[in-house]
C-alpha atoms as a PDB file:
ATOM      1  CA  MET A   1      46.911 -22.732 -31.171  1.00  0.00           C
ATOM      2  CA  SER A   2      46.260 -22.294 -27.714  1.00  0.00           C
ATOM      3  CA  SER A   3      42.941 -22.632 -26.444  1.00  0.00           C
ATOM      4  CA  GLY A   4      43.042 -19.060 -24.632  1.00  0.00           C
ATOM      5  CA  LYS A   5      43.945 -17.242 -27.612  1.00  0.00           C
ATOM      6  CA  MET A   6      41.132 -20.008 -29.692  1.00  0.00           C
ATOM      7  CA  MET A   7      38.354 -18.400 -27.257  1.00  0.00           C
ATOM      8  CA  SER A   8      39.358 -14.681 -27.411  1.00  0.00           C
ATOM      9  CA  THR A   9      39.160 -14.988 -31.438  1.00  0.00           C
ATOM     10  CA  VAL A  10      35.579 -16.785 -31.817  1.00  0.00           C
ATOM     11  CA  LEU A  11      34.700 -13.651 -28.442  1.00  0.00           C
ATOM     12  CA  LYS A  12      35.971 -11.400 -31.034  1.00  0.00           C
ATOM     13  CA  SER A  13      33.943 -12.624 -34.118  1.00  0.00           C
ATOM     14  CA  SER A  14      30.600 -13.780 -32.292  1.00  0.00           C
ATOM     15  CA  PRO A  15      28.907 -10.132 -32.436  1.00  0.00           C
ATOM     16  CA  TYR A  16      29.717 -10.205 -36.604  1.00  0.00           C
ATOM     17  CA  LEU A  17      28.025 -13.703 -37.058  1.00  0.00           C
ATOM     18  CA  ALA A  18      25.526 -12.567 -34.998  1.00  0.00           C
ATOM     19  CA  ARG A  19      24.254 -10.150 -36.995  1.00  0.00           C
ATOM     20  CA  MET A  20      25.253 -11.796 -40.429  1.00  0.00           C
ATOM     21  CA  SER A  21      23.152 -14.365 -38.955  1.00  0.00           C
ATOM     22  CA  VAL A  22      20.607 -11.959 -38.174  1.00  0.00           C
ATOM     23  CA  ASP A  23      21.003 -10.712 -41.892  1.00  0.00           C
ATOM     24  CA  VAL A  24      20.381 -14.435 -43.471  1.00  0.00           C
ATOM     25  CA  PHE A  25      17.368 -14.904 -41.782  1.00  0.00           C
ATOM     26  CA  TRP A  26      15.800 -11.401 -42.901  1.00  0.00           C
ATOM     27  CA  MET A  27      16.839 -12.001 -46.192  1.00  0.00           C
ATOM     28  CA  TYR A  28      15.230 -15.682 -45.898  1.00  0.00           C
ATOM     29  CA  ALA A  29      12.112 -14.066 -44.533  1.00  0.00           C
ATOM     30  CA  THR A  30      11.303 -11.252 -46.794  1.00  0.00           C
ATOM     31  CA  LEU A  31      11.800 -13.476 -49.661  1.00  0.00           C
ATOM     32  CA  GLY A  32       8.491 -14.376 -50.596  1.00  0.00           C
ATOM     33  CA  ARG A  33       7.140 -11.121 -50.332  1.00  0.00           C
ATOM     34  CA  ARG A  34       9.951  -9.663 -52.502  1.00  0.00           C
ATOM     35  CA  VAL A  35       9.150 -11.809 -55.126  1.00  0.00           C
ATOM     36  CA  ARG A  36       5.892 -11.451 -55.363  1.00  0.00           C
ATOM     37  CA  LYS A  37       6.367  -7.563 -55.700  1.00  0.00           C
ATOM     38  CA  THR A  38       8.860  -7.942 -58.012  1.00  0.00           C
ATOM     39  CA  LYS A  39       7.052 -10.492 -59.795  1.00  0.00           C
ATOM     40  CA  ARG A  40       3.356  -8.126 -59.698  1.00  0.00           C
ATOM     41  CA  ALA A  41       5.611  -5.188 -61.385  1.00  0.00           C
ATOM     42  CA  PHE A  42       7.292  -7.333 -63.755  1.00  0.00           C
ATOM     43  CA  GLU A  43       3.478  -8.437 -65.258  1.00  0.00           C
ATOM     44  CA  ARG A  44       2.571  -4.722 -64.692  1.00  0.00           C
ATOM     45  CA  GLU A  45       5.327  -3.649 -67.002  1.00  0.00           C
ATOM     46  CA  LEU A  46       4.702  -6.694 -69.400  1.00  0.00           C
ATOM     47  CA  ILE A  47       0.885  -6.281 -69.523  1.00  0.00           C
ATOM     48  CA  GLY A  48       2.307  -2.271 -70.107  1.00  0.00           C
ATOM     49  CA  GLY A  49       3.858  -3.097 -73.222  1.00  0.00           C
ATOM     50  CA  GLY A  50       0.808  -4.815 -75.029  1.00  0.00           C
ATOM     51  CA  MET A  51       1.527  -8.224 -73.701  1.00  0.00           C
ATOM     52  CA  SER A  52      -1.588 -10.190 -73.088  1.00  0.00           C
ATOM     53  CA  LYS A  53      -2.260 -10.623 -69.004  1.00  0.00           C
ATOM     54  CA  ALA A  54      -1.649 -15.083 -69.639  1.00  0.00           C
ATOM     55  CA  ASP A  55       1.657 -14.297 -71.481  1.00  0.00           C
ATOM     56  CA  ALA A  56       3.156 -11.557 -68.540  1.00  0.00           C
ATOM     57  CA  ARG A  57       1.552 -14.014 -65.950  1.00  0.00           C
ATOM     58  CA  ARG A  58       3.339 -17.576 -67.372  1.00  0.00           C
ATOM     59  CA  ILE A  59       6.498 -15.554 -68.245  1.00  0.00           C
ATOM     60  CA  SER A  60       6.956 -14.132 -64.419  1.00  0.00           C
ATOM     61  CA  ASN A  61       6.344 -17.348 -63.012  1.00  0.00           C
ATOM     62  CA  CYS A  62       9.884 -17.594 -63.439  1.00  0.00           C
ATOM     63  CA  PHE A  63      10.797 -15.310 -60.444  1.00  0.00           C
ATOM     64  CA  ASP A  64       8.466 -18.160 -58.470  1.00  0.00           C
ATOM     65  CA  GLU A  65      10.762 -20.971 -59.995  1.00  0.00           C
ATOM     66  CA  LEU A  66      13.786 -18.557 -59.354  1.00  0.00           C
ATOM     67  CA  LYS A  67      12.399 -18.364 -55.758  1.00  0.00           C
ATOM     68  CA  ASN A  68      12.013 -22.002 -55.028  1.00  0.00           C
ATOM     69  CA  SER A  69      15.147 -22.651 -56.673  1.00  0.00           C
ATOM     70  CA  VAL A  70      17.018 -20.428 -53.912  1.00  0.00           C
ATOM     71  CA  ASN A  71      14.749 -22.555 -50.750  1.00  0.00           C
ATOM     72  CA  GLY A  72      15.678 -25.850 -51.638  1.00  0.00           C
ATOM     73  CA  MET A  73      19.452 -24.869 -52.241  1.00  0.00           C
ATOM     74  CA  VAL A  74      18.862 -23.085 -48.552  1.00  0.00           C
ATOM     75  CA  LYS A  75      17.200 -25.831 -47.180  1.00  0.00           C
ATOM     76  CA  GLN A  76      19.952 -28.125 -48.373  1.00  0.00           C
ATOM     77  CA  GLY A  77      22.864 -26.219 -47.570  1.00  0.00           C
ATOM     78  CA  ALA A  78      21.286 -25.990 -43.634  1.00  0.00           C
ATOM     79  CA  THR A  79      20.415 -29.791 -43.951  1.00  0.00           C
ATOM     80  CA  SER A  80      23.710 -31.013 -44.638  1.00  0.00           C
ATOM     81  CA  PHE A  81      25.317 -28.626 -42.799  1.00  0.00           C
ATOM     82  CA  LEU A  82      23.422 -30.065 -39.214  1.00  0.00           C
ATOM     83  CA  GLN A  83      24.464 -34.210 -40.828  1.00  0.00           C
ATOM     84  CA  ARG A  84      28.222 -32.594 -40.794  1.00  0.00           C
ATOM     85  CA  THR A  85      27.698 -31.662 -37.346  1.00  0.00           C
ATOM     86  CA  GLU A  86      25.695 -34.350 -35.990  1.00  0.00           C
ATOM     87  CA  ARG A  87      28.290 -36.841 -37.501  1.00  0.00           C
ATOM     88  CA  ARG A  88      31.483 -35.291 -35.351  1.00  0.00           C
ATOM     89  CA  THR A  89      30.059 -35.654 -31.982  1.00  0.00           C
END
């Protein structure tokens, strides 16, 4: 592939890559707030269904564990990507 064609391909895809990067960052940045809201709503539903508050909190902690798991995967993916790019240079 010629360098001109490659540069053209990169330039054509750069707005889409920038938009996708912003969207992924926004999802990552708002994940904590969304998990808290979901956790509270889930607890309210369980308590409304007759479960004790302590049990509802214990069960809803799975949302925090999932969030931490997702954060760990994102961080691991980012660091491994950065390590691979550093090895290439």
